C-alpha atoms as a PDB file:
ATOM      1  CA  MET A   1      52.930 -17.652 -64.765  1.00  0.00           C
ATOM      2  CA  SER A   2      52.409 -17.294 -61.074  1.00  0.00           C
ATOM      3  CA  GLN A   3      49.215 -15.972 -59.644  1.00  0.00           C
ATOM      4  CA  GLN A   4      49.562 -13.057 -57.320  1.00  0.00           C
ATOM      5  CA  PHE A   5      47.045 -12.243 -54.639  1.00  0.00           C
ATOM      6  CA  PRO A   6      46.632  -8.761 -53.261  1.00  0.00           C
ATOM      7  CA  PRO A   7      47.552  -8.310 -49.585  1.00  0.00           C
ATOM      8  CA  PRO A   8      44.757  -8.832 -46.988  1.00  0.00           C
ATOM      9  CA  GLY A   9      42.416  -5.853 -46.562  1.00  0.00           C
ATOM     10  CA  GLN A  10      42.852  -4.766 -50.171  1.00  0.00           C
ATOM     11  CA  PRO A  11      40.073  -5.083 -52.713  1.00  0.00           C
ATOM     12  CA  GLN A  12      39.908  -8.383 -54.513  1.00  0.00           C
ATOM     13  CA  PRO A  13      39.638  -8.157 -58.275  1.00  0.00           C
ATOM     14  CA  GLY A  14      35.943  -8.443 -59.147  1.00  0.00           C
ATOM     15  CA  TYR A  15      34.784  -8.778 -55.523  1.00  0.00           C
ATOM     16  CA  GLY A  16      35.462  -5.453 -53.819  1.00  0.00           C
ATOM     17  CA  TYR A  17      36.520  -5.176 -50.202  1.00  0.00           C
ATOM     18  CA  PRO A  18      36.331  -8.271 -48.017  1.00  0.00           C
ATOM     19  CA  PRO A  19      33.914  -8.143 -45.062  1.00  0.00           C
ATOM     20  CA  PRO A  20      35.449  -6.814 -41.866  1.00  0.00           C
ATOM     21  CA  PRO A  21      36.371  -9.428 -39.276  1.00  0.00           C
ATOM     22  CA  GLN A  22      33.713 -10.135 -36.623  1.00  0.00           C
ATOM     23  CA  PRO A  23      34.454  -8.382 -33.325  1.00  0.00           C
ATOM     24  CA  LYS A  24      35.166 -10.697 -30.422  1.00  0.00           C
ATOM     25  CA  LYS A  25      32.229 -10.996 -28.066  1.00  0.00           C
ATOM     26  CA  ASN A  26      33.233 -10.027 -24.581  1.00  0.00           C
ATOM     27  CA  SER A  27      30.964 -11.292 -21.838  1.00  0.00           C
ATOM     28  CA  ALA A  28      32.742  -9.292 -19.129  1.00  0.00           C
ATOM     29  CA  GLY A  29      30.421  -6.323 -19.773  1.00  0.00           C
ATOM     30  CA  LYS A  30      27.368  -8.510 -19.260  1.00  0.00           C
ATOM     31  CA  ILE A  31      28.760  -9.909 -16.025  1.00  0.00           C
ATOM     32  CA  VAL A  32      29.495  -6.433 -14.668  1.00  0.00           C
ATOM     33  CA  GLY A  33      26.052  -5.163 -15.754  1.00  0.00           C
ATOM     34  CA  PHE A  34      24.155  -8.023 -14.140  1.00  0.00           C
ATOM     35  CA  SER A  35      26.261  -7.730 -10.980  1.00  0.00           C
ATOM     36  CA  CYS A  36      25.410  -4.024 -10.669  1.00  0.00           C
ATOM     37  CA  LEU A  37      21.734  -4.792 -11.321  1.00  0.00           C
ATOM     38  CA  GLY A  38      21.813  -7.464  -8.617  1.00  0.00           C
ATOM     39  CA  ILE A  39      23.351  -5.055  -6.108  1.00  0.00           C
ATOM     40  CA  VAL A  40      20.746  -2.360  -6.871  1.00  0.00           C
ATOM     41  CA  GLY A  41      17.941  -4.936  -6.574  1.00  0.00           C
ATOM     42  CA  PHE A  42      19.301  -6.124  -3.237  1.00  0.00           C
ATOM     43  CA  VAL A  43      19.479  -2.548  -1.885  1.00  0.00           C
ATOM     44  CA  VAL A  44      15.885  -1.898  -3.009  1.00  0.00           C
ATOM     45  CA  LEU A  45      14.711  -5.134  -1.358  1.00  0.00           C
ATOM     46  CA  ILE A  46      16.445  -4.197   1.906  1.00  0.00           C
ATOM     47  CA  GLY A  47      14.824  -0.742   1.749  1.00  0.00           C
ATOM     48  CA  ILE A  48      11.350  -2.212   1.263  1.00  0.00           C
ATOM     49  CA  LEU A  49      11.801  -4.689   4.102  1.00  0.00           C
ATOM     50  CA  GLY A  50      13.116  -1.924   6.356  1.00  0.00           C
ATOM     51  CA  ALA A  51      10.124   0.269   5.559  1.00  0.00           C
ATOM     52  CA  LEU A  52       7.681  -2.549   6.264  1.00  0.00           C
ATOM     53  CA  LEU A  53       9.313  -3.670   9.493  1.00  0.00           C
ATOM     54  CA  GLY A  54      10.538  -0.318  10.797  1.00  0.00           C
ATOM     55  CA  GLY A  55       7.478   1.708   9.795  1.00  0.00           C
ATOM     56  CA  GLU A  56       5.315   0.227  12.504  1.00  0.00           C
ATOM     57  CA  SER A  57       5.551   1.980  15.834  1.00  0.00           C
ATOM     58  CA  SER A  58       3.541   1.518  18.948  1.00  0.00           C
ATOM     59  CA  ASP A  59       1.332   4.378  20.057  1.00  0.00           C
ATOM     60  CA  LYS A  60       1.277   2.896  23.574  1.00  0.00           C
ATOM     61  CA  PRO A  61       2.965   5.087  26.134  1.00  0.00           C
ATOM     62  CA  THR A  62       5.667   3.389  28.126  1.00  0.00           C
ATOM     63  CA  SER A  63       6.193   4.139  31.768  1.00  0.00           C
ATOM     64  CA  ALA A  64       9.198   3.144  33.801  1.00  0.00           C
ATOM     65  CA  ALA A  65       8.412   2.350  37.406  1.00  0.00           C
ATOM     66  CA  PRO A  66      11.220   3.108  39.860  1.00  0.00           C
ATOM     67  CA  PRO A  67      12.697   0.116  41.654  1.00  0.00           C
ATOM     68  CA  ALA A  68      10.947  -0.791  44.890  1.00  0.00           C
ATOM     69  CA  GLY A  69      13.856   0.242  47.127  1.00  0.00           C
ATOM     70  CA  ALA A  70      14.672   3.488  45.290  1.00  0.00           C
ATOM     71  CA  SER A  71      12.156   5.640  47.150  1.00  0.00           C
ATOM     72  CA  SER A  72      13.430   7.369  50.290  1.00  0.00           C
ATOM     73  CA  ALA A  73      10.085   8.952  51.147  1.00  0.00           C
ATOM     74  CA  PRO A  74       7.690   7.027  53.377  1.00  0.00           C
ATOM     75  CA  ALA A  75       4.917   5.199  51.591  1.00  0.00           C
ATOM     76  CA  LYS A  76       1.722   7.199  51.319  1.00  0.00           C
ATOM     77  CA  ALA A  77      -1.808   6.030  50.958  1.00  0.00           C
ATOM     78  CA  PRO A  78      -2.832   5.947  47.293  1.00  0.00           C
ATOM     79  CA  GLU A  79      -4.319   9.221  46.164  1.00  0.00           C
ATOM     80  CA  SER A  80      -7.490   9.233  44.172  1.00  0.00           C
ATOM     81  CA  LYS A  81      -6.702  10.266  40.629  1.00  0.00           C
ATOM     82  CA  PRO A  82      -9.212  11.111  37.970  1.00  0.00           C
ATOM     83  CA  ALA A  83      -9.927   8.211  35.673  1.00  0.00           C
ATOM     84  CA  ALA A  84      -7.648   8.164  32.641  1.00  0.00           C
ATOM     85  CA  PRO A  85      -9.487   8.909  29.429  1.00  0.00           C
ATOM     86  CA  GLU A  86      -9.929   5.948  27.142  1.00  0.00           C
ATOM     87  CA  LYS A  87      -7.434   5.777  24.345  1.00  0.00           C
ATOM     88  CA  LYS A  88      -8.908   6.581  20.954  1.00  0.00           C
ATOM     89  CA  ALA A  89      -8.456   4.129  18.130  1.00  0.00           C
ATOM     90  CA  ALA A  90      -5.863   5.237  15.572  1.00  0.00           C
ATOM     91  CA  VAL A  91      -8.327   4.928  12.690  1.00  0.00           C
ATOM     92  CA  VAL A  92     -12.100   5.070  13.101  1.00  0.00           C
ATOM     93  CA  VAL A  93     -14.482   3.850  10.400  1.00  0.00           C
ATOM     94  CA  ALA A  94     -18.214   4.570  10.463  1.00  0.00           C
ATOM     95  CA  ALA A  95     -20.564   3.033   7.884  1.00  0.00           C
ATOM     96  CA  LYS A  96     -24.232   3.388   7.018  1.00  0.00           C
ATOM     97  CA  LYS A  97     -26.420   2.224   4.155  1.00  0.00           C
ATOM     98  CA  GLY A  98     -26.049   4.627   1.264  1.00  0.00           C
ATOM     99  CA  GLU A  99     -27.949   5.388  -1.904  1.00  0.00           C
ATOM    100  CA  PHE A 100     -26.377   4.273  -5.185  1.00  0.00           C
ATOM    101  CA  LYS A 101     -25.726   7.207  -7.547  1.00  0.00           C
ATOM    102  CA  LYS A 102     -25.129   5.680 -10.996  1.00  0.00           C
ATOM    103  CA  THR A 103     -22.297   6.924 -13.238  1.00  0.00           C
ATOM    104  CA  ILE A 104     -21.695   6.187 -16.908  1.00  0.00           C
ATOM    105  CA  LEU A 105     -19.309   3.371 -15.902  1.00  0.00           C
ATOM    106  CA  ALA A 106     -22.077   1.411 -14.166  1.00  0.00           C
ATOM    107  CA  GLN A 107     -23.294  -1.467 -16.309  1.00  0.00           C
ATOM    108  CA  SER A 108     -26.694  -1.649 -14.600  1.00  0.00           C
ATOM    109  CA  ASP A 109     -28.603  -0.394 -11.570  1.00  0.00           C
ATOM    110  CA  SER A 110     -27.763  -3.575  -9.638  1.00  0.00           C
ATOM    111  CA  TYR A 111     -25.213  -2.185  -7.169  1.00  0.00           C
ATOM    112  CA  THR A 112     -25.200  -1.723  -3.389  1.00  0.00           C
ATOM    113  CA  SER A 113     -23.521   1.320  -1.823  1.00  0.00           C
ATOM    114  CA  VAL A 114     -22.400   2.004   1.728  1.00  0.00           C
ATOM    115  CA  SER A 115     -21.532   5.509   2.935  1.00  0.00           C
ATOM    116  CA  VAL A 116     -18.233   5.351   4.835  1.00  0.00           C
ATOM    117  CA  THR A 117     -16.453   7.957   6.982  1.00  0.00           C
ATOM    118  CA  VAL A 118     -12.783   7.366   7.850  1.00  0.00           C
ATOM    119  CA  THR A 119     -11.222   9.462  10.645  1.00  0.00           C
ATOM    120  CA  ASN A 120      -7.487   9.549  11.345  1.00  0.00           C
ATOM    121  CA  ASN A 121      -6.898   9.770  15.122  1.00  0.00           C
ATOM    122  CA  SER A 122      -3.266   8.671  14.871  1.00  0.00           C
ATOM    123  CA  SER A 123      -0.200  10.879  14.899  1.00  0.00           C
ATOM    124  CA  LYS A 124       0.798   9.886  11.343  1.00  0.00           C
ATOM    125  CA  PRO A 125      -0.886  10.389   7.970  1.00  0.00           C
ATOM    126  CA  ILE A 126      -2.847   7.459   6.529  1.00  0.00           C
ATOM    127  CA  ASN A 127      -3.895   6.657   2.981  1.00  0.00           C
ATOM    128  CA  VAL A 128      -7.488   6.050   1.957  1.00  0.00           C
ATOM    129  CA  ASN A 129      -8.320   4.377  -1.333  1.00  0.00           C
ATOM    130  CA  PRO A 130     -11.526   2.666  -2.534  1.00  0.00           C
ATOM    131  CA  LEU A 131      -9.453  -0.493  -3.093  1.00  0.00           C
ATOM    132  CA  TYR A 132      -8.674  -0.651   0.642  1.00  0.00           C
ATOM    133  CA  PHE A 133     -12.331  -1.493   1.481  1.00  0.00           C
ATOM    134  CA  ALA A 134     -14.409  -4.666   1.408  1.00  0.00           C
ATOM    135  CA  ILE A 135     -18.098  -5.036   2.249  1.00  0.00           C
ATOM    136  CA  THR A 136     -19.499  -8.142   3.937  1.00  0.00           C
ATOM    137  CA  ASP A 137     -23.206  -8.884   3.447  1.00  0.00           C
ATOM    138  CA  THR A 138     -25.642 -10.506   5.890  1.00  0.00           C
ATOM    139  CA  ASN A 139     -24.902 -13.943   4.357  1.00  0.00           C
ATOM    140  CA  GLY A 140     -21.176 -13.580   5.124  1.00  0.00           C
ATOM    141  CA  THR A 141     -20.155 -12.992   1.506  1.00  0.00           C
ATOM    142  CA  LYS A 142     -17.339 -10.475   1.010  1.00  0.00           C
ATOM    143  CA  HIS A 143     -17.768  -8.000  -1.865  1.00  0.00           C
ATOM    144  CA  ILE A 144     -14.872  -6.023  -3.334  1.00  0.00           C
ATOM    145  CA  SER A 145     -15.219  -2.363  -4.179  1.00  0.00           C
ATOM    146  CA  GLU A 146     -16.328  -1.553  -7.728  1.00  0.00           C
ATOM    147  CA  LEU A 147     -14.429   1.486  -8.987  1.00  0.00           C
ATOM    148  CA  GLY A 148     -16.089   4.471 -10.654  1.00  0.00           C
ATOM    149  CA  VAL A 149     -19.673   3.176 -10.676  1.00  0.00           C
ATOM    150  CA  ASP A 150     -20.980   5.444  -7.877  1.00  0.00           C
ATOM    151  CA  GLY A 151     -20.850   9.228  -8.232  1.00  0.00           C
ATOM    152  CA  ASN A 152     -20.237   9.566  -4.480  1.00  0.00           C
ATOM    153  CA  GLN A 153     -17.242   7.186  -4.421  1.00  0.00           C
ATOM    154  CA  ILE A 154     -14.738   7.830  -1.616  1.00  0.00           C
ATOM    155  CA  GLY A 155     -11.639   9.600  -2.888  1.00  0.00           C
ATOM    156  CA  THR A 156      -8.054   8.442  -2.942  1.00  0.00           C
ATOM    157  CA  VAL A 157      -6.535  10.759  -0.342  1.00  0.00           C
ATOM    158  CA  GLU A 158      -3.918  11.029   2.369  1.00  0.00           C
ATOM    159  CA  LEU A 159      -5.494  11.957   5.695  1.00  0.00           C
ATOM    160  CA  ALA A 160      -3.365  14.009   8.062  1.00  0.00           C
ATOM    161  CA  PRO A 161      -3.840  13.455  11.804  1.00  0.00           C
ATOM    162  CA  GLY A 162      -7.308  14.684  12.841  1.00  0.00           C
ATOM    163  CA  GLU A 163      -8.768  14.715   9.302  1.00  0.00           C
ATOM    164  CA  ASN A 164     -11.626  12.610   7.956  1.00  0.00           C
ATOM    165  CA  VAL A 165     -13.172  11.770   4.586  1.00  0.00           C
ATOM    166  CA  THR A 166     -16.622  10.501   3.610  1.00  0.00           C
ATOM    167  CA  GLY A 167     -17.684   8.707   0.462  1.00  0.00           C
ATOM    168  CA  ALA A 168     -19.353   5.643  -0.976  1.00  0.00           C
ATOM    169  CA  ILE A 169     -18.021   2.121  -1.289  1.00  0.00           C
ATOM    170  CA  THR A 170     -20.007   0.152  -3.857  1.00  0.00           C
ATOM    171  CA  GLY A 171     -20.280  -3.555  -4.554  1.00  0.00           C
ATOM    172  CA  LYS A 172     -21.864  -5.302  -7.528  1.00  0.00           C
ATOM    173  CA  GLY A 173     -25.329  -6.801  -7.070  1.00  0.00           C
ATOM    174  CA  SER A 174     -28.263  -6.250  -4.741  1.00  0.00           C
ATOM    175  CA  TRP A 175     -27.718  -7.491  -1.176  1.00  0.00           C
ATOM    176  CA  THR A 176     -27.886  -6.220   2.394  1.00  0.00           C
ATOM    177  CA  PRO A 177     -24.553  -4.908   3.744  1.00  0.00           C
ATOM    178  CA  LYS A 178     -23.587  -5.958   7.271  1.00  0.00           C
ATOM    179  CA  SER A 179     -20.072  -4.566   7.783  1.00  0.00           C
ATOM    180  CA  VAL A 180     -17.258  -2.691   6.049  1.00  0.00           C
ATOM    181  CA  THR A 181     -13.570  -3.505   6.489  1.00  0.00           C
ATOM    182  CA  TYR A 182     -10.883  -0.880   5.843  1.00  0.00           C
ATOM    183  CA  THR A 183      -7.284  -2.083   5.534  1.00  0.00           C
ATOM    184  CA  ASP A 184      -4.557   0.518   5.994  1.00  0.00           C
ATOM    185  CA  GLY A 185      -2.733  -0.103   2.722  1.00  0.00           C
ATOM    186  CA  LEU A 186      -3.047  -3.435   1.013  1.00  0.00           C
ATOM    187  CA  ILE A 187      -1.342  -5.369   3.817  1.00  0.00           C
ATOM    188  CA  GLY A 188      -1.765  -3.140   6.879  1.00  0.00           C
ATOM    189  CA  ASP A 189      -4.004  -3.346   9.933  1.00  0.00           C
ATOM    190  CA  SER A 190      -7.753  -3.743   9.364  1.00  0.00           C
ATOM    191  CA  VAL A 191     -10.570  -1.777  10.965  1.00  0.00           C
ATOM    192  CA  ARG A 192     -14.110  -3.168  10.816  1.00  0.00           C
ATOM    193  CA  ALA A 193     -17.345  -1.209  11.200  1.00  0.00           C
ATOM    194  CA  ASP A 194     -20.927  -2.448  11.280  1.00  0.00           C
ATOM    195  CA  VAL A 195     -23.307  -0.842   8.787  1.00  0.00           C
ATOM    196  CA  SER A 196     -26.054   1.088  10.586  1.00  0.00           C
END
């Protein structure tokens, strides 16, 4: 007697249906996905670099002097002009010793606060954040800002041209503050003010 086997894909006697064949793994989808991700990452990187490099502009006025031979009028004696007003700094920081106002986040009373006023004299908005400040003491030690420990902490705000904000910057420990440094953003220009 010959043994007959059912055709493939049909149930086997006593075993049921055979498992379906494994689908072929196609790595083309992964290659396309990673390529698209790489292109998006590259575009984002170019955008960030463009913002960092192109975002800086000079507030210095430029003046073009005419060529020496371009004037047809006879040379005149120099006229007395009123003195040009001094150019204001784009960002002004003023600092004075402040009183520490403890919050529930403070672990002790051993903190030193400085009252800081930031004024935006530029033509563009600037950001102010407690993390953008550092306090240097009379020994030359730099203290980072402790967040949320002083009830008068300076706010995280965007200052429009002409606006100012006042608040406390607080460092851990008891020491005598000498100066405060504000950095426009985490990697921008720094402005230093002596504590009065």
